[in-house]
Amino acid sequence: MYLSPGDSNELGRVYEVAAKDSVELLVATAFLTEWPIKSKLWVGCKSILILVGTDFGLTRKKALRQLLGWIPKEKKYNVLAVPPFMGGSFHPKIIAWKDKAGKYFALFGSSNLTIAAFDRNHEANILQQISTKEFQKIKSWLRNISAKSEVVSADWIKKYREASRIKGRRTSVRTANNTNNVIDLRIRVLKEHLVLVKSRRKQQESFEEIRKPLLDIIRNCAAGKIRSKTFWEEFWKLWGNHSSRFQGSGIQWFGKGTNWKQACSSMQKIIQGPNDIFDLDLIVQSEIDFLAKKKNQARGAWLTEMCCHFYPNSYPILNRPVKDWLKVKGYRAQSGASEGSKYIELSIKMRSTRDQSPKISTLAELDIVIWRIMDALKP
């Protein structure tokens, strides 16, 4: 595809086909000044990942807002900004997808997602069908980069520094502010916190005492072998006074009237999920959204504590101290995102906080430190 100024929108048509026909969709652009896709994403698209570069502040806030307006509410956490890397730039221009027929395609070339690239520039791109193996290589490469990236939200866009324009030229903003995370959720771990961290580690270790019987009753309830009432009674015997329990008594108020077959079925799918964290995030997001649709109260404190026990490195507990801490830090979840999407967005943020805190190794440990920080802020 050799494009010259004024050519028909051949490049735009490729993006439209990808949006309307993709089961899996991957997009990476060095910078974004215009989101080109007008067609809605196919409702059957299971997985999407969009990575946008932020080097020199060339990506525009308006374009990011267009993108967030386009992406479905349950997939908003899949739009990520790649921070400027020391010693190099994020410079790919790729769109790759799996279509409804199970075929894989990829477009590589010189075109960023800009009006100029689609209409005014001289650009060269290659569109071709690729093998499953090649698609998996692209996906793995982009997912590795996404692990170091930040979720693009309204708060992120507000704090992001884009380059200013002077008489048609752009001025660089590759400053200290643009080489660090835009949303700063780092915490300072004090000596007094280390005692709590040690205590939380012991709690995590003690969970192994009830892991197997807990898995058994979750499976039995999900399979309909025991009723919700029986599950609740057995669960409370195991967990109610056990040393591994993280949270307070809130769950007791809704436990007896909850549809535990629904909740356990969702938890069972998560426990049986894949090792790849990106794919597991998709399942967690989907199950929380399912339980939200069913108005099942177990999707909050109970499900997230179970996720934190079974996956302490990946999922945080959704509780009041965490919510209050995020407010103090000036962070809000995506506007218009689904509950599941908001939780995965939070998980990505908490993983970043953990990675920036060498004295903390899990999100379970991070949780107890946040509790103490919020207690210290009370009048």
Protein backbone atom coordinates (compact mmCIF):
# COMPACT_ATOMS: atom_id res chain seq x y z
CA MET A 1 0.00 0.00 0.00
CA TYR A 2 1.88 3.01 -1.33
CA LEU A 3 -0.06 6.12 -0.33
CA SER A 4 0.27 9.63 -1.69
CA PRO A 5 -1.47 12.87 -0.66
CA GLY A 6 -5.09 12.89 -1.71
CA ASP A 7 -5.34 9.12 -2.30
CA SER A 8 -8.61 7.38 -1.49
CA ASN A 9 -8.80 6.31 2.14
CA GLU A 10 -7.41 2.83 1.54
CA LEU A 11 -5.66 2.75 4.89
CA GLY A 12 -8.80 3.81 6.73
CA ARG A 13 -10.75 0.97 5.13
CA VAL A 14 -8.30 -1.56 6.57
CA TYR A 15 -8.91 -0.24 10.07
CA GLU A 16 -12.69 -0.29 9.53
CA VAL A 17 -12.58 -3.93 8.38
CA ALA A 18 -10.49 -4.87 11.40
CA ALA A 19 -12.95 -3.23 13.79
CA LYS A 20 -16.03 -4.82 12.25
CA ASP A 21 -14.57 -8.29 11.76
CA SER A 22 -12.14 -8.96 14.62
CA VAL A 23 -12.36 -11.59 17.34
CA GLU A 24 -8.99 -10.39 18.66
CA LEU A 25 -7.57 -6.95 17.90
CA LEU A 26 -4.10 -5.51 18.52
CA VAL A 27 -3.10 -1.90 17.77
CA ALA A 28 0.21 -0.17 18.46
CA THR A 29 1.08 3.35 17.34
CA ALA A 30 4.06 5.56 18.15
CA PHE A 31 1.68 8.47 18.59
CA LEU A 32 -2.01 9.17 18.17
CA THR A 33 -3.44 12.45 16.91
CA GLU A 34 -6.69 11.13 15.45
CA TRP A 35 -8.64 7.93 16.16
CA PRO A 36 -9.57 6.77 12.63
CA ILE A 37 -12.16 4.06 13.27
CA LYS A 38 -15.77 5.18 13.06
CA SER A 39 -17.45 1.77 12.89
CA LYS A 40 -18.32 0.09 16.17
CA LEU A 41 -16.16 -2.76 17.37
CA TRP A 42 -17.80 -6.08 16.61
CA VAL A 43 -19.80 -7.20 19.62
CA GLY A 44 -18.14 -10.63 19.48
CA CYS A 45 -14.61 -9.24 19.84
CA LYS A 46 -13.22 -11.09 22.85
CA SER A 47 -9.85 -9.42 23.29
CA ILE A 48 -8.42 -6.02 22.43
CA LEU A 49 -5.18 -4.26 23.26
CA ILE A 50 -4.31 -0.73 22.14
CA LEU A 51 -0.88 0.70 22.97
CA VAL A 52 -0.15 4.38 22.37
CA GLY A 53 3.28 5.99 22.61
CA THR A 54 3.85 9.15 24.64
CA ASP A 55 7.37 10.11 23.55
CA PHE A 56 7.84 13.88 23.20
CA GLY A 57 4.18 14.52 24.05
CA LEU A 58 3.13 14.01 20.40
CA THR A 59 0.00 11.99 21.24
CA ARG A 60 -2.95 14.37 21.54
CA LYS A 61 -5.46 14.46 24.39
CA LYS A 62 -8.38 14.98 22.01
CA ALA A 63 -7.51 11.79 20.12
CA LEU A 64 -7.27 9.81 23.37
CA ARG A 65 -10.73 11.01 24.36
CA GLN A 66 -12.03 9.95 20.94
CA LEU A 67 -10.54 6.50 21.47
CA LEU A 68 -12.04 6.13 24.96
CA GLY A 69 -15.40 7.17 23.56
CA TRP A 70 -15.13 4.50 20.88
CA ILE A 71 -14.02 1.52 22.96
CA PRO A 72 -16.77 -0.54 24.70
CA LYS A 73 -17.32 -0.03 28.43
CA GLU A 74 -16.06 -3.50 29.39
CA LYS A 75 -12.77 -3.02 27.49
CA LYS A 76 -11.72 0.47 28.56
CA TYR A 77 -8.82 -0.83 30.65
CA ASN A 78 -7.28 -2.22 27.44
CA VAL A 79 -6.17 1.22 26.23
CA LEU A 80 -2.66 1.82 27.59
CA ALA A 81 -0.04 4.53 27.27
CA VAL A 82 3.57 3.42 26.90
CA PRO A 83 5.86 5.65 29.00
CA PRO A 84 8.99 6.99 27.27
CA PHE A 85 11.70 4.40 27.80
CA MET A 86 15.20 5.38 28.79
CA GLY A 87 17.54 4.94 25.83
CA GLY A 88 14.87 4.44 23.17
CA SER A 89 11.39 5.25 21.89
CA PHE A 90 8.17 3.30 21.39
CA HIS A 91 7.96 3.49 17.61
CA PRO A 92 5.80 0.69 16.06
CA LYS A 93 2.85 1.13 13.70
CA ILE A 94 0.89 -2.11 13.76
CA ILE A 95 -2.66 -3.34 13.55
CA ALA A 96 -3.19 -7.10 13.73
CA TRP A 97 -6.36 -9.09 14.13
CA LYS A 98 -8.04 -12.49 14.06
CA ASP A 99 -11.24 -12.40 12.03
CA LYS A 100 -14.53 -14.26 12.41
CA ALA A 101 -13.34 -16.97 10.01
CA GLY A 102 -10.29 -17.68 12.18
CA LYS A 103 -7.79 -16.05 9.80
CA TYR A 104 -5.05 -13.68 10.98
CA PHE A 105 -4.02 -10.41 9.36
CA ALA A 106 -1.49 -7.69 10.08
CA LEU A 107 -0.65 -4.27 8.70
CA PHE A 108 2.85 -2.91 9.29
CA GLY A 109 4.33 0.27 7.93
CA SER A 110 5.10 3.93 8.32
CA SER A 111 1.62 5.20 9.20
CA ASN A 112 0.90 6.46 12.70
CA LEU A 113 -2.70 7.14 13.63
CA THR A 114 -2.82 10.71 12.35
CA ILE A 115 -4.90 12.62 9.80
CA ALA A 116 -1.71 13.30 7.85
CA ALA A 117 -0.85 9.59 7.61
CA PHE A 118 -4.30 8.72 6.31
CA ASP A 119 -4.72 11.61 3.89
CA ARG A 120 -1.74 13.93 3.34
CA ASN A 121 1.52 12.05 3.67
CA HIS A 122 3.53 9.75 1.47
CA GLU A 123 3.26 6.45 3.37
CA ALA A 124 4.22 2.82 2.74
CA ASN A 125 2.50 -0.11 4.45
CA ILE A 126 2.22 -3.85 4.02
CA LEU A 127 -1.05 -5.72 4.63
CA GLN A 128 -0.90 -9.48 4.63
CA GLN A 129 -2.42 -12.62 6.05
CA ILE A 130 -0.16 -14.12 8.72
CA SER A 131 0.10 -17.42 10.57
CA THR A 132 -1.25 -18.15 14.03
CA LYS A 133 2.35 -18.38 15.25
CA GLU A 134 3.20 -14.90 13.92
CA PHE A 135 0.06 -13.41 15.47
CA GLN A 136 0.94 -14.96 18.82
CA LYS A 137 4.44 -13.47 18.59
CA ILE A 138 3.00 -9.99 17.99
CA LYS A 139 0.52 -10.44 20.83
CA SER A 140 3.17 -11.67 23.27
CA TRP A 141 5.49 -8.79 22.38
CA LEU A 142 2.79 -6.15 22.88
CA ARG A 143 1.53 -7.72 26.11
CA ASN A 144 5.04 -7.60 27.56
CA ILE A 145 5.15 -3.89 26.79
CA SER A 146 1.66 -3.40 28.23
CA ALA A 147 2.87 -4.72 31.60
CA LYS A 148 5.04 -1.59 31.86
CA SER A 149 2.32 0.77 30.61
CA GLU A 150 -0.44 2.86 32.18
CA VAL A 151 -4.19 2.67 31.69
CA VAL A 152 -5.44 5.71 29.81
CA SER A 153 -8.31 7.27 31.79
CA ALA A 154 -9.82 10.73 32.11
CA ASP A 155 -7.47 11.41 35.05
CA TRP A 156 -4.48 10.18 33.07
CA ILE A 157 -5.36 12.42 30.12
CA LYS A 158 -5.81 15.42 32.42
CA LYS A 159 -2.31 15.02 33.89
CA TYR A 160 -0.56 14.02 30.67
CA ARG A 161 1.58 16.77 29.12
CA GLU A 162 1.21 17.00 25.36
CA ALA A 163 3.54 19.03 23.17
CA SER A 164 2.44 22.56 22.39
CA ARG A 165 1.97 23.72 18.80
CA ILE A 166 3.65 26.87 17.53
CA LYS A 167 2.88 27.96 13.95
CA GLY A 168 2.33 24.42 12.77
CA ARG A 169 5.33 23.00 14.65
CA ARG A 170 5.36 20.85 17.76
CA THR A 171 7.66 21.50 20.70
CA SER A 172 9.05 18.56 22.63
CA VAL A 173 8.07 17.95 26.25
CA ARG A 174 10.44 15.07 26.97
CA THR A 175 11.01 16.31 30.50
CA ALA A 176 11.22 14.54 33.85
CA ASN A 177 7.43 14.85 34.13
CA ASN A 178 6.95 12.93 30.91
CA THR A 179 9.45 10.15 31.59
CA ASN A 180 7.79 9.14 34.85
CA ASN A 181 4.33 7.69 35.35
CA VAL A 182 1.59 10.20 34.65
CA ILE A 183 -0.57 8.82 37.47
CA ASP A 184 1.61 8.47 40.56
CA LEU A 185 0.35 5.83 43.00
CA ARG A 186 3.62 5.15 44.78
CA ILE A 187 3.53 4.72 48.54
CA ARG A 188 6.15 5.27 51.20
CA VAL A 189 6.61 2.12 53.29
CA LEU A 190 7.59 3.10 56.84
CA LYS A 191 9.18 0.94 59.53
CA GLU A 192 5.86 0.65 61.33
CA HIS A 193 4.35 -0.76 58.12
CA LEU A 194 6.89 -3.58 57.95
CA VAL A 195 5.42 -5.19 61.07
CA LEU A 196 2.04 -5.22 59.36
CA VAL A 197 3.54 -6.61 56.17
CA LYS A 198 5.07 -9.46 58.16
CA SER A 199 1.72 -10.15 59.81
CA ARG A 200 -0.05 -10.18 56.43
CA ARG A 201 2.50 -12.67 55.09
CA LYS A 202 1.65 -15.01 57.95
CA GLN A 203 -2.03 -14.63 57.07
CA GLN A 204 -1.25 -15.56 53.49
CA GLU A 205 0.68 -18.63 54.65
CA SER A 206 -2.18 -19.72 56.91
CA PHE A 207 -4.59 -19.62 53.96
CA GLU A 208 -2.98 -22.83 52.75
CA GLU A 209 -4.68 -24.60 55.69
CA ILE A 210 -8.12 -24.00 54.21
CA ARG A 211 -7.32 -23.73 50.48
CA LYS A 212 -8.31 -27.29 49.57
CA PRO A 213 -11.57 -27.52 51.58
CA LEU A 214 -12.49 -24.04 50.33
CA LEU A 215 -11.91 -25.10 46.73
CA ASP A 216 -14.03 -28.19 47.34
CA ILE A 217 -17.10 -26.30 48.54
CA ILE A 218 -16.74 -23.68 45.79
CA ARG A 219 -16.68 -26.46 43.17
CA ASN A 220 -19.57 -28.33 44.78
CA CYS A 221 -21.72 -25.21 44.95
CA ALA A 222 -20.86 -24.21 41.36
CA ALA A 223 -21.84 -27.70 40.20
CA GLY A 224 -25.12 -27.60 42.15
CA LYS A 225 -24.08 -30.41 44.48
CA ILE A 226 -24.77 -28.24 47.52
CA ARG A 227 -27.25 -25.41 47.92
CA SER A 228 -26.39 -21.77 48.57
CA LYS A 229 -27.46 -22.07 52.20
CA THR A 230 -25.19 -25.09 52.75
CA PHE A 231 -22.30 -23.36 51.02
CA TRP A 232 -22.65 -20.33 53.23
CA GLU A 233 -22.70 -22.44 56.38
CA GLU A 234 -19.63 -24.44 55.30
CA PHE A 235 -17.80 -21.36 54.08
CA TRP A 236 -18.38 -19.50 57.31
CA LYS A 237 -17.11 -22.43 59.37
CA LEU A 238 -13.90 -22.42 57.35
CA TRP A 239 -13.32 -18.72 56.91
CA GLY A 240 -15.33 -16.81 59.50
CA ASN A 241 -12.79 -17.01 62.33
CA HIS A 242 -9.76 -18.18 60.40
CA SER A 243 -6.49 -16.27 60.74
CA SER A 244 -6.22 -15.82 56.96
CA ARG A 245 -9.30 -13.60 56.80
CA PHE A 246 -8.36 -10.07 55.69
CA GLN A 247 -11.59 -8.09 56.00
CA GLY A 248 -14.13 -7.19 58.65
CA SER A 249 -17.72 -8.31 59.14
CA GLY A 250 -19.41 -6.64 56.17
CA ILE A 251 -19.85 -9.88 54.28
CA GLN A 252 -21.96 -11.29 57.13
CA TRP A 253 -24.79 -8.88 56.34
CA PHE A 254 -25.46 -10.16 52.82
CA GLY A 255 -24.01 -13.69 52.98
CA LYS A 256 -27.14 -15.62 53.85
CA GLY A 257 -29.29 -14.17 51.07
CA THR A 258 -26.71 -14.38 48.26
CA ASN A 259 -26.99 -16.62 45.22
CA TRP A 260 -23.78 -18.49 45.95
CA LYS A 261 -24.15 -20.83 42.98
CA GLN A 262 -23.68 -17.81 40.70
CA ALA A 263 -20.78 -16.45 42.75
CA CYS A 264 -19.06 -19.82 43.04
CA SER A 265 -19.47 -20.51 39.32
CA SER A 266 -17.70 -17.23 38.60
CA MET A 267 -14.96 -17.96 41.12
CA GLN A 268 -14.53 -21.45 39.69
CA LYS A 269 -13.97 -20.03 36.18
CA ILE A 270 -11.36 -17.65 37.59
CA ILE A 271 -9.55 -20.39 39.52
CA GLN A 272 -9.49 -22.59 36.42
CA GLY A 273 -8.33 -19.66 34.30
CA PRO A 274 -5.14 -19.43 32.22
CA ASN A 275 -1.68 -18.61 33.54
CA ASP A 276 -1.34 -15.60 31.24
CA ILE A 277 -2.36 -12.58 33.34
CA PHE A 278 -3.84 -10.70 30.38
CA ASP A 279 -6.17 -13.61 29.55
CA LEU A 280 -7.00 -14.10 33.24
CA ASP A 281 -7.88 -10.41 33.51
CA LEU A 282 -10.43 -10.93 30.71
CA ILE A 283 -12.11 -13.71 32.71
CA VAL A 284 -12.13 -11.74 35.98
CA GLN A 285 -13.57 -8.69 34.22
CA SER A 286 -16.22 -10.78 32.48
CA GLU A 287 -17.32 -12.59 35.66
CA ILE A 288 -17.58 -9.40 37.72
CA ASP A 289 -19.68 -7.84 34.97
CA PHE A 290 -21.87 -10.98 34.89
CA LEU A 291 -22.44 -10.82 38.65
CA ALA A 292 -23.11 -7.07 38.43
CA LYS A 293 -25.79 -7.73 35.81
CA LYS A 294 -27.32 -10.30 38.16
CA LYS A 295 -27.00 -7.82 41.08
CA ASN A 296 -25.07 -10.42 43.05
CA GLN A 297 -23.49 -8.70 46.06
CA ALA A 298 -20.68 -11.25 46.28
CA ARG A 299 -18.90 -9.57 43.33
CA GLY A 300 -17.30 -6.95 45.60
CA ALA A 301 -15.72 -7.75 48.95
CA TRP A 302 -16.09 -11.54 48.73
CA LEU A 303 -14.96 -12.18 45.17
CA THR A 304 -12.06 -9.73 45.32
CA GLU A 305 -10.82 -11.15 48.63
CA MET A 306 -10.94 -14.65 47.17
CA CYS A 307 -9.05 -13.40 44.10
CA CYS A 308 -6.49 -11.78 46.39
CA HIS A 309 -6.02 -15.05 48.31
CA PHE A 310 -5.69 -17.24 45.23
CA TYR A 311 -3.74 -14.64 43.20
CA PRO A 312 -2.05 -12.35 45.76
CA ASN A 313 0.35 -10.96 43.14
CA SER A 314 -2.36 -9.98 40.69
CA TYR A 315 -5.62 -8.86 42.31
CA PRO A 316 -6.36 -6.38 45.11
CA ILE A 317 -9.19 -6.39 47.63
CA LEU A 318 -11.90 -3.88 46.82
CA ASN A 319 -12.60 -2.29 50.19
CA ARG A 320 -13.27 1.10 51.76
CA PRO A 321 -9.64 1.96 52.70
CA VAL A 322 -8.49 1.28 49.13
CA LYS A 323 -11.29 3.43 47.70
CA ASP A 324 -10.52 6.26 50.14
CA TRP A 325 -6.80 6.04 49.39
CA LEU A 326 -7.46 6.40 45.67
CA LYS A 327 -9.52 9.52 46.36
CA VAL A 328 -6.66 10.99 48.40
CA LYS A 329 -4.31 10.28 45.49
CA GLY A 330 -6.72 12.02 43.12
CA TYR A 331 -7.51 8.91 41.12
CA ARG A 332 -10.88 7.82 39.74
CA ALA A 333 -11.78 4.81 37.65
CA GLN A 334 -12.74 5.17 34.02
CA SER A 335 -15.92 7.12 33.42
CA GLY A 336 -18.49 4.88 31.75
CA ALA A 337 -16.47 1.69 32.28
CA SER A 338 -18.13 -1.49 33.48
CA GLU A 339 -17.54 -2.73 37.04
CA GLY A 340 -15.28 -5.48 35.78
CA SER A 341 -13.26 -3.08 33.67
CA LYS A 342 -12.85 -0.72 36.64
CA TYR A 343 -11.60 -3.56 38.82
CA ILE A 344 -9.00 -4.68 36.28
CA GLU A 345 -7.92 -1.07 35.85
CA LEU A 346 -7.47 -0.90 39.63
CA SER A 347 -5.51 -4.18 39.55
CA ILE A 348 -3.13 -2.80 36.93
CA LYS A 349 -2.59 0.32 39.03
CA MET A 350 -1.96 -1.69 42.19
CA ARG A 351 0.53 -3.93 40.39
CA SER A 352 2.41 -0.80 39.36
CA THR A 353 2.37 0.47 42.97
CA ARG A 354 3.71 -2.88 44.20
CA ASP A 355 6.49 -2.88 41.60
CA GLN A 356 7.60 0.58 42.77
CA SER A 357 7.69 -0.56 46.43
CA PRO A 358 10.58 -3.02 46.94
CA LYS A 359 9.53 -3.77 50.54
CA ILE A 360 6.16 -5.09 49.35
CA SER A 361 5.91 -8.30 47.35
CA THR A 362 2.14 -8.87 46.93
CA LEU A 363 -1.08 -6.89 46.59
CA ALA A 364 -2.24 -8.54 49.82
CA GLU A 365 0.67 -6.86 51.62
CA LEU A 366 -0.05 -3.57 49.85
CA ASP A 367 -3.62 -3.75 51.16
CA ILE A 368 -2.60 -3.80 54.84
CA VAL A 369 -0.21 -0.86 54.34
CA ILE A 370 -3.02 1.16 52.74
CA TRP A 371 -5.24 0.33 55.72
CA ARG A 372 -2.64 1.80 58.09
CA ILE A 373 -2.07 4.87 55.92
CA MET A 374 -5.79 5.64 55.85
CA ASP A 375 -6.13 5.04 59.62
CA ALA A 376 -3.35 7.60 60.20
CA LEU A 377 -5.27 10.19 58.14
CA LYS A 378 -8.41 9.94 60.27
CA PRO A 379 -9.03 12.97 62.54
